[in-house]
Amino acid sequence: MLIDNHGRTINYLRLAVTDKCNLRCFYCMPEDGLKWLSRTELMSYEEMLRACALLVNMGIQKIRITGGEPFVRKDIMKLLTAISNLDGLQDLSLTTNGILTAPHVAELKAIGVKSVNLSLDTLDAGRFFSITRRDEFGAVMASLDELLKHNIEVKINAVVMDGKNTQDIIPLVELTKELPVSVRFIEEMPFNGDGQIHQTKMSWDYIRILEEIEQVYPGIKKIQDPVYSTSYNYHVPGHAGNVGIIAAYSRTFCGTCNRIRITPQGTLKNCLYDDGVLNIKDLMRSGNNDATIKDSLLNAFNNRVKNGWEAEKLVKNTGMHESMAAIGG
């Protein structure tokens, strides 16, 4: 079991397999995209699998594959299949925007993927185009249908943005009436694709989001949050699914944080808000053996910041931050 310097268990890895994405969501990256990493800058699948095997051996029990958009990377199913066969791994899941997901759902089910997070900020095709700058709403909904058809648990992640999609909060909640999905509303983060941390007032925090829902569903009830949950979870009586609210900016869940991240270029992040504490890819390419890499990882875990506010203060020294696309945020 992995325990950090604040007594928190670490058992969850978020592995970003690419920085590339086939959407251009305005809160994530510029319209023209980013300066993509070269092939040599990216971790190879062999390096990713080695990192995953090492971490599972050390105590990681759950791995979530993220991006960018995972299905943009060629032959991603080969990596997913290999990771799913790691001894000791209890849970393999992924986050996707759904555009390329539908054709792979049957295979995801076959290798044991039980849960998929689907990024979807609106149920309106016009607003979808406005937010993502791509006309792919139909493909995302087709993937949602396919996932539910194969009985894969779906969590829909919606970033709440003032003046952009707050009118979608109630329609998204209504989606849980007939469908067994969890719709999770996420506070907008203070950084995006232009590389800067933006210190703006949080106009739609988790409290206001809940108040908006309660105006239409006054009977909504708080339900028990799963262990290590980043969301406050609720249920509307009579609905098939649930509602969650993630205080991503308020950072109210740092005290029980059980996750670490590895970026596509191999940077280990102990916190979404830090700028990286170790590069696993570089350690591997320098010829270090597994024991040495494990020691480096343990040292990093023994020096985790207390919370996201502390991590952000350290990054503020440069004023820069990666795009969400590059860190699997």
C-alpha atoms as a PDB file:
ATOM      1  CA  MET A   1       0.000   0.000   0.000  1.00  0.00           C
ATOM      2  CA  LEU A   2       1.226   3.476  -0.887  1.00  0.00           C
ATOM      3  CA  ILE A   3       0.845   6.170   1.775  1.00  0.00           C
ATOM      4  CA  ASP A   4       1.991   9.758   1.209  1.00  0.00           C
ATOM      5  CA  ASN A   5       3.541  12.195   3.694  1.00  0.00           C
ATOM      6  CA  HIS A   6       0.071  13.413   4.734  1.00  0.00           C
ATOM      7  CA  GLY A   7      -1.213   9.923   5.536  1.00  0.00           C
ATOM      8  CA  ARG A   8      -3.279   9.643   2.357  1.00  0.00           C
ATOM      9  CA  THR A   9      -3.528   6.357   0.474  1.00  0.00           C
ATOM     10  CA  ILE A  10      -2.409   6.482  -3.166  1.00  0.00           C
ATOM     11  CA  ASN A  11      -4.144   3.793  -5.219  1.00  0.00           C
ATOM     12  CA  TYR A  12      -5.340   5.531  -8.392  1.00  0.00           C
ATOM     13  CA  LEU A  13      -3.351   6.475 -11.497  1.00  0.00           C
ATOM     14  CA  ARG A  14      -4.604   8.711 -14.305  1.00  0.00           C
ATOM     15  CA  LEU A  15      -2.461   8.023 -17.372  1.00  0.00           C
ATOM     16  CA  ALA A  16      -2.697  10.492 -20.258  1.00  0.00           C
ATOM     17  CA  VAL A  17      -1.693   8.660 -23.434  1.00  0.00           C
ATOM     18  CA  THR A  18      -1.667  11.646 -25.800  1.00  0.00           C
ATOM     19  CA  ASP A  19      -1.917  15.419 -25.795  1.00  0.00           C
ATOM     20  CA  LYS A  20      -3.835  15.404 -29.079  1.00  0.00           C
ATOM     21  CA  CYS A  21      -7.599  15.816 -29.297  1.00  0.00           C
ATOM     22  CA  ASN A  22     -10.135  15.918 -32.114  1.00  0.00           C
ATOM     23  CA  LEU A  23     -12.132  18.675 -30.404  1.00  0.00           C
ATOM     24  CA  ARG A  24     -11.096  22.276 -29.761  1.00  0.00           C
ATOM     25  CA  CYS A  25     -13.061  23.089 -26.597  1.00  0.00           C
ATOM     26  CA  PHE A  26     -12.372  26.755 -25.900  1.00  0.00           C
ATOM     27  CA  TYR A  27     -11.629  26.160 -22.193  1.00  0.00           C
ATOM     28  CA  CYS A  28      -9.037  23.509 -23.008  1.00  0.00           C
ATOM     29  CA  MET A  29      -7.016  24.727 -25.977  1.00  0.00           C
ATOM     30  CA  PRO A  30      -6.788  27.442 -28.649  1.00  0.00           C
ATOM     31  CA  GLU A  31      -8.901  27.135 -31.803  1.00  0.00           C
ATOM     32  CA  ASP A  32      -5.847  26.257 -33.889  1.00  0.00           C
ATOM     33  CA  GLY A  33      -4.810  23.545 -31.447  1.00  0.00           C
ATOM     34  CA  LEU A  34      -1.531  23.256 -29.566  1.00  0.00           C
ATOM     35  CA  LYS A  35       2.056  22.589 -30.487  1.00  0.00           C
ATOM     36  CA  TRP A  36       1.702  18.815 -30.318  1.00  0.00           C
ATOM     37  CA  LEU A  37       4.377  16.648 -28.778  1.00  0.00           C
ATOM     38  CA  SER A  38       6.622  14.786 -31.196  1.00  0.00           C
ATOM     39  CA  ARG A  39       6.661  10.986 -31.202  1.00  0.00           C
ATOM     40  CA  THR A  40       9.995  10.917 -29.363  1.00  0.00           C
ATOM     41  CA  GLU A  41       8.625  13.218 -26.636  1.00  0.00           C
ATOM     42  CA  LEU A  42       5.688  10.904 -25.995  1.00  0.00           C
ATOM     43  CA  MET A  43       6.005   7.830 -23.833  1.00  0.00           C
ATOM     44  CA  SER A  44       5.892   4.683 -25.942  1.00  0.00           C
ATOM     45  CA  TYR A  45       3.279   2.037 -25.154  1.00  0.00           C
ATOM     46  CA  GLU A  46       6.073  -0.163 -23.796  1.00  0.00           C
ATOM     47  CA  GLU A  47       7.138   2.609 -21.411  1.00  0.00           C
ATOM     48  CA  MET A  48       3.552   3.247 -20.337  1.00  0.00           C
ATOM     49  CA  LEU A  49       2.990  -0.440 -19.669  1.00  0.00           C
ATOM     50  CA  ARG A  50       6.222  -0.644 -17.675  1.00  0.00           C
ATOM     51  CA  ALA A  51       5.211   2.374 -15.586  1.00  0.00           C
ATOM     52  CA  CYS A  52       1.765   0.904 -14.961  1.00  0.00           C
ATOM     53  CA  ALA A  53       3.219  -2.475 -13.977  1.00  0.00           C
ATOM     54  CA  LEU A  54       5.647  -0.838 -11.544  1.00  0.00           C
ATOM     55  CA  LEU A  55       2.925   1.260  -9.933  1.00  0.00           C
ATOM     56  CA  VAL A  56       0.451  -1.623  -9.668  1.00  0.00           C
ATOM     57  CA  ASN A  57       3.198  -3.632  -7.981  1.00  0.00           C
ATOM     58  CA  MET A  58       3.632  -0.734  -5.531  1.00  0.00           C
ATOM     59  CA  GLY A  59      -0.059  -0.485  -4.664  1.00  0.00           C
ATOM     60  CA  ILE A  60      -1.976   1.220  -7.472  1.00  0.00           C
ATOM     61  CA  GLN A  61      -5.323  -0.558  -7.861  1.00  0.00           C
ATOM     62  CA  LYS A  62      -7.145   1.609 -10.411  1.00  0.00           C
ATOM     63  CA  ILE A  63      -5.913   3.066 -13.695  1.00  0.00           C
ATOM     64  CA  ARG A  64      -7.857   5.557 -15.791  1.00  0.00           C
ATOM     65  CA  ILE A  65      -6.716   6.210 -19.350  1.00  0.00           C
ATOM     66  CA  THR A  66      -7.107   9.830 -20.447  1.00  0.00           C
ATOM     67  CA  GLY A  67      -5.694  12.258 -23.002  1.00  0.00           C
ATOM     68  CA  GLY A  68      -6.157  14.518 -24.869  1.00  0.00           C
ATOM     69  CA  GLU A  69      -8.507  12.040 -26.463  1.00  0.00           C
ATOM     70  CA  PRO A  70      -7.263   8.454 -25.962  1.00  0.00           C
ATOM     71  CA  PHE A  71      -8.781   7.074 -29.163  1.00  0.00           C
ATOM     72  CA  VAL A  72      -6.835   9.576 -31.266  1.00  0.00           C
ATOM     73  CA  ARG A  73      -3.661   7.595 -30.527  1.00  0.00           C
ATOM     74  CA  LYS A  74      -3.132   4.717 -32.941  1.00  0.00           C
ATOM     75  CA  ASP A  75      -3.692   1.168 -31.659  1.00  0.00           C
ATOM     76  CA  ILE A  76      -4.833   2.361 -28.224  1.00  0.00           C
ATOM     77  CA  MET A  77      -6.770  -0.874 -27.689  1.00  0.00           C
ATOM     78  CA  LYS A  78      -3.481  -2.815 -27.670  1.00  0.00           C
ATOM     79  CA  LEU A  79      -2.293  -0.768 -24.684  1.00  0.00           C
ATOM     80  CA  LEU A  80      -5.644  -1.051 -22.906  1.00  0.00           C
ATOM     81  CA  THR A  81      -5.656  -4.826 -23.370  1.00  0.00           C
ATOM     82  CA  ALA A  82      -2.108  -5.158 -22.025  1.00  0.00           C
ATOM     83  CA  ILE A  83      -2.859  -2.995 -18.987  1.00  0.00           C
ATOM     84  CA  SER A  84      -6.062  -4.944 -18.289  1.00  0.00           C
ATOM     85  CA  ASN A  85      -3.957  -8.105 -17.887  1.00  0.00           C
ATOM     86  CA  LEU A  86      -1.695  -6.690 -15.147  1.00  0.00           C
ATOM     87  CA  ASP A  87      -1.787  -8.820 -12.004  1.00  0.00           C
ATOM     88  CA  GLY A  88      -3.153  -6.820  -9.086  1.00  0.00           C
ATOM     89  CA  LEU A  89      -5.041  -4.237 -11.123  1.00  0.00           C
ATOM     90  CA  GLN A  90      -8.637  -4.094  -9.920  1.00  0.00           C
ATOM     91  CA  ASP A  91     -10.156  -1.397 -12.117  1.00  0.00           C
ATOM     92  CA  LEU A  92      -9.392  -0.120 -15.619  1.00  0.00           C
ATOM     93  CA  SER A  93     -11.466   2.783 -16.900  1.00  0.00           C
ATOM     94  CA  LEU A  94     -11.134   5.668 -19.327  1.00  0.00           C
ATOM     95  CA  THR A  95     -12.244   9.193 -20.100  1.00  0.00           C
ATOM     96  CA  THR A  96     -13.247  10.030 -23.673  1.00  0.00           C
ATOM     97  CA  ASN A  97     -15.087  12.667 -25.656  1.00  0.00           C
ATOM     98  CA  GLY A  98     -17.000   9.905 -27.433  1.00  0.00           C
ATOM     99  CA  ILE A  99     -16.286  10.869 -31.029  1.00  0.00           C
ATOM    100  CA  LEU A 100     -14.305   7.737 -31.899  1.00  0.00           C
ATOM    101  CA  THR A 101     -15.475   5.513 -29.054  1.00  0.00           C
ATOM    102  CA  ALA A 102     -18.514   3.653 -30.388  1.00  0.00           C
ATOM    103  CA  PRO A 103     -16.663   1.113 -32.614  1.00  0.00           C
ATOM    104  CA  HIS A 104     -14.505   0.025 -29.638  1.00  0.00           C
ATOM    105  CA  VAL A 105     -17.214  -0.433 -26.996  1.00  0.00           C
ATOM    106  CA  ALA A 106     -17.668  -4.184 -27.474  1.00  0.00           C
ATOM    107  CA  GLU A 107     -13.912  -4.722 -27.099  1.00  0.00           C
ATOM    108  CA  LEU A 108     -13.788  -2.449 -24.042  1.00  0.00           C
ATOM    109  CA  LYS A 109     -16.450  -4.635 -22.467  1.00  0.00           C
ATOM    110  CA  ALA A 110     -14.524  -7.788 -23.404  1.00  0.00           C
ATOM    111  CA  ILE A 111     -11.298  -6.683 -21.675  1.00  0.00           C
ATOM    112  CA  GLY A 112     -13.149  -5.777 -18.494  1.00  0.00           C
ATOM    113  CA  VAL A 113     -13.668  -2.017 -18.680  1.00  0.00           C
ATOM    114  CA  LYS A 114     -16.666  -1.392 -16.425  1.00  0.00           C
ATOM    115  CA  SER A 115     -16.779   2.405 -16.376  1.00  0.00           C
ATOM    116  CA  VAL A 116     -16.315   5.210 -18.890  1.00  0.00           C
ATOM    117  CA  ASN A 117     -16.358   8.950 -18.250  1.00  0.00           C
ATOM    118  CA  LEU A 118     -17.908  10.763 -21.201  1.00  0.00           C
ATOM    119  CA  SER A 119     -17.149  14.466 -21.608  1.00  0.00           C
ATOM    120  CA  LEU A 120     -20.340  16.274 -22.664  1.00  0.00           C
ATOM    121  CA  ASP A 121     -21.004  19.891 -21.699  1.00  0.00           C
ATOM    122  CA  THR A 122     -24.370  20.319 -23.423  1.00  0.00           C
ATOM    123  CA  LEU A 123     -27.275  18.406 -24.958  1.00  0.00           C
ATOM    124  CA  ASP A 124     -27.820  21.112 -27.555  1.00  0.00           C
ATOM    125  CA  ALA A 125     -26.074  20.467 -30.892  1.00  0.00           C
ATOM    126  CA  GLY A 126     -25.612  24.184 -31.573  1.00  0.00           C
ATOM    127  CA  ARG A 127     -24.010  24.896 -28.220  1.00  0.00           C
ATOM    128  CA  PHE A 128     -21.908  21.752 -28.615  1.00  0.00           C
ATOM    129  CA  PHE A 129     -20.431  23.237 -31.784  1.00  0.00           C
ATOM    130  CA  SER A 130     -19.927  26.598 -30.105  1.00  0.00           C
ATOM    131  CA  ILE A 131     -18.045  25.037 -27.178  1.00  0.00           C
ATOM    132  CA  THR A 132     -16.049  22.390 -29.054  1.00  0.00           C
ATOM    133  CA  ARG A 133     -15.693  24.105 -32.457  1.00  0.00           C
ATOM    134  CA  ARG A 134     -16.546  20.756 -34.055  1.00  0.00           C
ATOM    135  CA  ASP A 135     -19.813  19.323 -35.432  1.00  0.00           C
ATOM    136  CA  GLU A 136     -19.618  15.941 -33.684  1.00  0.00           C
ATOM    137  CA  PHE A 137     -22.599  15.923 -31.314  1.00  0.00           C
ATOM    138  CA  GLY A 138     -24.218  12.962 -33.082  1.00  0.00           C
ATOM    139  CA  ALA A 139     -21.102  10.817 -32.734  1.00  0.00           C
ATOM    140  CA  VAL A 140     -20.931  11.477 -28.991  1.00  0.00           C
ATOM    141  CA  MET A 141     -24.573  10.514 -28.471  1.00  0.00           C
ATOM    142  CA  ALA A 142     -24.043   7.355 -30.541  1.00  0.00           C
ATOM    143  CA  SER A 143     -21.190   6.381 -28.210  1.00  0.00           C
ATOM    144  CA  LEU A 144     -23.391   7.023 -25.190  1.00  0.00           C
ATOM    145  CA  ASP A 145     -26.041   4.702 -26.600  1.00  0.00           C
ATOM    146  CA  GLU A 146     -23.455   2.013 -27.363  1.00  0.00           C
ATOM    147  CA  LEU A 147     -21.928   2.171 -23.872  1.00  0.00           C
ATOM    148  CA  LEU A 148     -25.320   1.807 -22.211  1.00  0.00           C
ATOM    149  CA  LYS A 149     -26.256  -1.018 -24.582  1.00  0.00           C
ATOM    150  CA  HIS A 150     -23.184  -2.936 -23.364  1.00  0.00           C
ATOM    151  CA  ASN A 151     -23.981  -2.203 -19.693  1.00  0.00           C
ATOM    152  CA  ILE A 152     -20.863  -0.131 -19.147  1.00  0.00           C
ATOM    153  CA  GLU A 153     -21.276   2.417 -16.353  1.00  0.00           C
ATOM    154  CA  VAL A 154     -21.308   5.943 -17.776  1.00  0.00           C
ATOM    155  CA  LYS A 155     -20.416   9.127 -15.952  1.00  0.00           C
ATOM    156  CA  ILE A 156     -21.109  12.245 -17.994  1.00  0.00           C
ATOM    157  CA  ASN A 157     -18.714  15.090 -17.158  1.00  0.00           C
ATOM    158  CA  ALA A 158     -19.985  18.604 -17.859  1.00  0.00           C
ATOM    159  CA  VAL A 159     -17.909  21.712 -17.157  1.00  0.00           C
ATOM    160  CA  VAL A 160     -20.209  24.532 -16.022  1.00  0.00           C
ATOM    161  CA  MET A 161     -19.272  27.816 -17.715  1.00  0.00           C
ATOM    162  CA  ASP A 162     -20.937  31.142 -17.076  1.00  0.00           C
ATOM    163  CA  GLY A 163     -22.570  32.493 -20.226  1.00  0.00           C
ATOM    164  CA  LYS A 164     -21.884  29.302 -22.184  1.00  0.00           C
ATOM    165  CA  ASN A 165     -23.907  26.350 -20.927  1.00  0.00           C
ATOM    166  CA  THR A 166     -25.584  27.054 -17.592  1.00  0.00           C
ATOM    167  CA  GLN A 167     -28.925  26.607 -19.394  1.00  0.00           C
ATOM    168  CA  ASP A 168     -27.884  22.958 -19.892  1.00  0.00           C
ATOM    169  CA  ILE A 169     -27.729  22.108 -16.191  1.00  0.00           C
ATOM    170  CA  ILE A 170     -31.386  21.133 -15.907  1.00  0.00           C
ATOM    171  CA  PRO A 171     -31.574  19.240 -19.259  1.00  0.00           C
ATOM    172  CA  LEU A 172     -28.531  17.226 -18.202  1.00  0.00           C
ATOM    173  CA  VAL A 173     -30.152  16.426 -14.851  1.00  0.00           C
ATOM    174  CA  GLU A 174     -33.267  15.359 -16.757  1.00  0.00           C
ATOM    175  CA  LEU A 175     -31.104  12.869 -18.647  1.00  0.00           C
ATOM    176  CA  THR A 176     -30.872  10.862 -15.410  1.00  0.00           C
ATOM    177  CA  LYS A 177     -34.639  10.379 -15.329  1.00  0.00           C
ATOM    178  CA  GLU A 178     -34.654   7.540 -17.842  1.00  0.00           C
ATOM    179  CA  LEU A 179     -30.972   6.655 -18.189  1.00  0.00           C
ATOM    180  CA  PRO A 180     -28.824   4.950 -15.510  1.00  0.00           C
ATOM    181  CA  VAL A 181     -26.038   7.517 -15.852  1.00  0.00           C
ATOM    182  CA  SER A 182     -24.283   9.771 -13.395  1.00  0.00           C
ATOM    183  CA  VAL A 183     -24.206  13.375 -14.622  1.00  0.00           C
ATOM    184  CA  ARG A 184     -21.383  15.261 -12.922  1.00  0.00           C
ATOM    185  CA  PHE A 185     -21.094  19.020 -13.074  1.00  0.00           C
ATOM    186  CA  ILE A 186     -17.540  20.349 -12.781  1.00  0.00           C
ATOM    187  CA  GLU A 187     -16.440  23.790 -11.659  1.00  0.00           C
ATOM    188  CA  GLU A 188     -14.466  25.514 -14.397  1.00  0.00           C
ATOM    189  CA  MET A 189     -10.718  25.432 -13.814  1.00  0.00           C
ATOM    190  CA  PRO A 190      -8.571  28.579 -13.534  1.00  0.00           C
ATOM    191  CA  PHE A 191      -6.292  27.576 -16.409  1.00  0.00           C
ATOM    192  CA  ASN A 192      -6.814  26.602 -20.021  1.00  0.00           C
ATOM    193  CA  GLY A 193      -5.075  26.212 -23.348  1.00  0.00           C
ATOM    194  CA  ASP A 194      -3.299  29.568 -23.426  1.00  0.00           C
ATOM    195  CA  GLY A 195      -0.846  28.420 -20.753  1.00  0.00           C
ATOM    196  CA  GLN A 196      -1.857  30.929 -18.081  1.00  0.00           C
ATOM    197  CA  ILE A 197      -3.458  30.567 -14.680  1.00  0.00           C
ATOM    198  CA  HIS A 198      -6.485  32.858 -14.640  1.00  0.00           C
ATOM    199  CA  GLN A 199      -7.448  34.325 -11.292  1.00  0.00           C
ATOM    200  CA  THR A 200     -11.101  35.003 -11.951  1.00  0.00           C
ATOM    201  CA  LYS A 201     -14.022  34.903  -9.567  1.00  0.00           C
ATOM    202  CA  MET A 202     -15.728  31.535  -9.535  1.00  0.00           C
ATOM    203  CA  SER A 203     -19.265  32.549 -10.519  1.00  0.00           C
ATOM    204  CA  TRP A 204     -20.588  28.976 -10.726  1.00  0.00           C
ATOM    205  CA  ASP A 205     -19.157  27.090  -7.775  1.00  0.00           C
ATOM    206  CA  TYR A 206     -20.533  23.794  -6.478  1.00  0.00           C
ATOM    207  CA  ILE A 207     -22.957  25.580  -4.128  1.00  0.00           C
ATOM    208  CA  ARG A 208     -24.528  27.642  -6.881  1.00  0.00           C
ATOM    209  CA  ILE A 209     -24.782  24.625  -9.191  1.00  0.00           C
ATOM    210  CA  LEU A 210     -26.697  22.725  -6.519  1.00  0.00           C
ATOM    211  CA  GLU A 211     -28.961  25.714  -5.868  1.00  0.00           C
ATOM    212  CA  GLU A 212     -29.775  25.867  -9.596  1.00  0.00           C
ATOM    213  CA  ILE A 213     -30.804  22.197  -9.575  1.00  0.00           C
ATOM    214  CA  GLU A 214     -32.833  22.569  -6.376  1.00  0.00           C
ATOM    215  CA  GLN A 215     -34.985  25.268  -7.979  1.00  0.00           C
ATOM    216  CA  VAL A 216     -36.398  22.661 -10.364  1.00  0.00           C
ATOM    217  CA  TYR A 217     -35.874  19.563  -8.220  1.00  0.00           C
ATOM    218  CA  PRO A 218     -36.431  20.649  -4.600  1.00  0.00           C
ATOM    219  CA  GLY A 219     -36.687  16.991  -3.594  1.00  0.00           C
ATOM    220  CA  ILE A 220     -33.151  16.132  -4.670  1.00  0.00           C
ATOM    221  CA  LYS A 221     -31.416  14.184  -1.895  1.00  0.00           C
ATOM    222  CA  LYS A 222     -27.801  13.846  -0.847  1.00  0.00           C
ATOM    223  CA  ILE A 223     -26.580  10.253  -1.133  1.00  0.00           C
ATOM    224  CA  GLN A 224     -23.478   8.664   0.319  1.00  0.00           C
ATOM    225  CA  ASP A 225     -20.296   9.486  -1.561  1.00  0.00           C
ATOM    226  CA  PRO A 226     -18.061   6.546  -2.508  1.00  0.00           C
ATOM    227  CA  VAL A 227     -14.669   6.325  -0.810  1.00  0.00           C
ATOM    228  CA  TYR A 228     -12.223   8.822  -2.376  1.00  0.00           C
ATOM    229  CA  SER A 229     -15.030  10.449  -4.354  1.00  0.00           C
ATOM    230  CA  THR A 230     -14.209  13.834  -5.868  1.00  0.00           C
ATOM    231  CA  SER A 231     -17.906  14.595  -6.298  1.00  0.00           C
ATOM    232  CA  TYR A 232     -20.756  15.435  -3.957  1.00  0.00           C
ATOM    233  CA  ASN A 233     -23.434  12.980  -5.053  1.00  0.00           C
ATOM    234  CA  TYR A 234     -27.208  13.371  -5.190  1.00  0.00           C
ATOM    235  CA  HIS A 235     -30.316  11.548  -6.384  1.00  0.00           C
ATOM    236  CA  VAL A 236     -33.625  12.832  -7.655  1.00  0.00           C
ATOM    237  CA  PRO A 237     -36.333  10.439  -6.350  1.00  0.00           C
ATOM    238  CA  GLY A 238     -37.753   8.395  -9.199  1.00  0.00           C
ATOM    239  CA  HIS A 239     -34.777   8.925 -11.514  1.00  0.00           C
ATOM    240  CA  ALA A 240     -32.739   6.037 -12.878  1.00  0.00           C
ATOM    241  CA  GLY A 241     -29.400   7.848 -12.544  1.00  0.00           C
ATOM    242  CA  ASN A 242     -27.619  10.195 -10.170  1.00  0.00           C
ATOM    243  CA  VAL A 243     -26.132  13.687 -10.122  1.00  0.00           C
ATOM    244  CA  GLY A 244     -22.670  14.678  -8.933  1.00  0.00           C
ATOM    245  CA  ILE A 245     -20.960  18.031  -8.428  1.00  0.00           C
ATOM    246  CA  ILE A 246     -17.149  18.217  -8.550  1.00  0.00           C
ATOM    247  CA  ALA A 247     -15.557  21.164  -6.761  1.00  0.00           C
ATOM    248  CA  ALA A 248     -12.532  21.162  -9.064  1.00  0.00           C
ATOM    249  CA  TYR A 249     -11.686  24.826  -8.441  1.00  0.00           C
ATOM    250  CA  SER A 250     -12.786  24.975  -4.798  1.00  0.00           C
ATOM    251  CA  ARG A 251     -10.665  21.879  -4.121  1.00  0.00           C
ATOM    252  CA  THR A 252     -12.664  20.578  -1.190  1.00  0.00           C
ATOM    253  CA  PHE A 253     -11.549  16.952  -1.704  1.00  0.00           C
ATOM    254  CA  CYS A 254      -7.769  17.347  -1.375  1.00  0.00           C
ATOM    255  CA  GLY A 255      -7.735  15.863   2.130  1.00  0.00           C
ATOM    256  CA  THR A 256      -8.634  12.417   0.769  1.00  0.00           C
ATOM    257  CA  CYS A 257      -6.821  12.638  -2.585  1.00  0.00           C
ATOM    258  CA  ASN A 258      -5.769   9.146  -3.656  1.00  0.00           C
ATOM    259  CA  ARG A 259      -4.641   9.914  -7.219  1.00  0.00           C
ATOM    260  CA  ILE A 260      -1.529  10.617  -9.171  1.00  0.00           C
ATOM    261  CA  ARG A 261      -1.131  11.539 -12.839  1.00  0.00           C
ATOM    262  CA  ILE A 262       1.319  10.759 -15.601  1.00  0.00           C
ATOM    263  CA  THR A 263       1.327  13.069 -18.609  1.00  0.00           C
ATOM    264  CA  PRO A 264       1.924  11.847 -22.188  1.00  0.00           C
ATOM    265  CA  GLN A 265       5.588  12.871 -21.939  1.00  0.00           C
ATOM    266  CA  GLY A 266       6.060  10.889 -18.729  1.00  0.00           C
ATOM    267  CA  THR A 267       5.809  13.636 -16.120  1.00  0.00           C
ATOM    268  CA  LEU A 268       4.499  12.470 -12.764  1.00  0.00           C
ATOM    269  CA  LYS A 269       2.084  14.937 -11.188  1.00  0.00           C
ATOM    270  CA  ASN A 270       1.110  14.503  -7.551  1.00  0.00           C
ATOM    271  CA  CYS A 271      -1.597  17.136  -8.062  1.00  0.00           C
ATOM    272  CA  LEU A 272      -3.517  18.490 -11.039  1.00  0.00           C
ATOM    273  CA  TYR A 273      -2.261  21.945 -10.091  1.00  0.00           C
ATOM    274  CA  ASP A 274       1.455  21.166  -9.794  1.00  0.00           C
ATOM    275  CA  ASP A 275       3.913  21.423 -12.687  1.00  0.00           C
ATOM    276  CA  GLY A 276       5.367  17.935 -12.348  1.00  0.00           C
ATOM    277  CA  VAL A 277       7.630  16.348  -9.762  1.00  0.00           C
ATOM    278  CA  LEU A 278       9.448  13.636 -11.709  1.00  0.00           C
ATOM    279  CA  ASN A 279       9.821  12.370 -15.288  1.00  0.00           C
ATOM    280  CA  ILE A 280       9.395   8.602 -15.470  1.00  0.00           C
ATOM    281  CA  LYS A 281      10.135   8.409 -19.194  1.00  0.00           C
ATOM    282  CA  ASP A 282      13.511  10.093 -18.694  1.00  0.00           C
ATOM    283  CA  LEU A 283      14.370   7.692 -15.875  1.00  0.00           C
ATOM    284  CA  MET A 284      13.584   4.736 -18.113  1.00  0.00           C
ATOM    285  CA  ARG A 285      15.482   6.082 -21.109  1.00  0.00           C
ATOM    286  CA  SER A 286      18.509   6.734 -18.900  1.00  0.00           C
ATOM    287  CA  GLY A 287      18.710   2.999 -18.268  1.00  0.00           C
ATOM    288  CA  ASN A 288      17.539   2.929 -14.655  1.00  0.00           C
ATOM    289  CA  ASN A 289      16.305  -0.410 -13.360  1.00  0.00           C
ATOM    290  CA  ASP A 290      12.912  -0.942 -11.770  1.00  0.00           C
ATOM    291  CA  ALA A 291      14.239  -0.708  -8.203  1.00  0.00           C
ATOM    292  CA  THR A 292      15.784   2.719  -8.841  1.00  0.00           C
ATOM    293  CA  ILE A 293      12.618   4.013 -10.496  1.00  0.00           C
ATOM    294  CA  LYS A 294      10.527   2.738  -7.571  1.00  0.00           C
ATOM    295  CA  ASP A 295      12.795   4.583  -5.130  1.00  0.00           C
ATOM    296  CA  SER A 296      12.345   7.793  -7.131  1.00  0.00           C
ATOM    297  CA  LEU A 297       8.572   7.318  -7.123  1.00  0.00           C
ATOM    298  CA  LEU A 298       8.488   6.692  -3.380  1.00  0.00           C
ATOM    299  CA  ASN A 299      10.509   9.838  -2.778  1.00  0.00           C
ATOM    300  CA  ALA A 300       8.025  11.822  -4.862  1.00  0.00           C
ATOM    301  CA  PHE A 301       5.055  10.374  -2.965  1.00  0.00           C
ATOM    302  CA  ASN A 302       6.714  11.270   0.317  1.00  0.00           C
ATOM    303  CA  ASN A 303       6.858  14.926  -0.739  1.00  0.00           C
ATOM    304  CA  ARG A 304       3.295  15.569  -1.920  1.00  0.00           C
ATOM    305  CA  VAL A 305       1.793  19.002  -1.335  1.00  0.00           C
ATOM    306  CA  LYS A 306      -1.076  19.220   1.113  1.00  0.00           C
ATOM    307  CA  ASN A 307      -3.622  20.527  -1.384  1.00  0.00           C
ATOM    308  CA  GLY A 308      -4.210  22.169  -4.746  1.00  0.00           C
ATOM    309  CA  TRP A 309      -3.875  25.685  -3.333  1.00  0.00           C
ATOM    310  CA  GLU A 310      -0.372  24.936  -2.113  1.00  0.00           C
ATOM    311  CA  ALA A 311       0.523  23.398  -5.494  1.00  0.00           C
ATOM    312  CA  GLU A 312      -0.826  26.407  -7.377  1.00  0.00           C
ATOM    313  CA  LYS A 313       1.280  28.799  -5.300  1.00  0.00           C
ATOM    314  CA  LEU A 314       4.410  26.945  -6.377  1.00  0.00           C
ATOM    315  CA  VAL A 315       3.418  27.087 -10.057  1.00  0.00           C
ATOM    316  CA  LYS A 316       2.601  30.801  -9.775  1.00  0.00           C
ATOM    317  CA  ASN A 317       6.329  31.468  -9.615  1.00  0.00           C
ATOM    318  CA  THR A 318       6.326  31.022 -13.395  1.00  0.00           C
ATOM    319  CA  GLY A 319       2.702  31.989 -14.073  1.00  0.00           C
ATOM    320  CA  MET A 320       2.473  29.112 -16.538  1.00  0.00           C
ATOM    321  CA  HIS A 321       0.434  25.935 -16.629  1.00  0.00           C
ATOM    322  CA  GLU A 322      -0.146  23.178 -19.132  1.00  0.00           C
ATOM    323  CA  SER A 323      -3.265  22.926 -21.204  1.00  0.00           C
ATOM    324  CA  MET A 324      -5.864  20.572 -19.787  1.00  0.00           C
ATOM    325  CA  ALA A 325      -5.386  18.519 -22.963  1.00  0.00           C
ATOM    326  CA  ALA A 326      -1.799  17.781 -22.020  1.00  0.00           C
ATOM    327  CA  ILE A 327      -2.382  16.574 -18.465  1.00  0.00           C
ATOM    328  CA  GLY A 328      -5.530  14.467 -18.669  1.00  0.00           C
ATOM    329  CA  GLY A 329      -7.471  16.955 -16.594  1.00  0.00           C
END
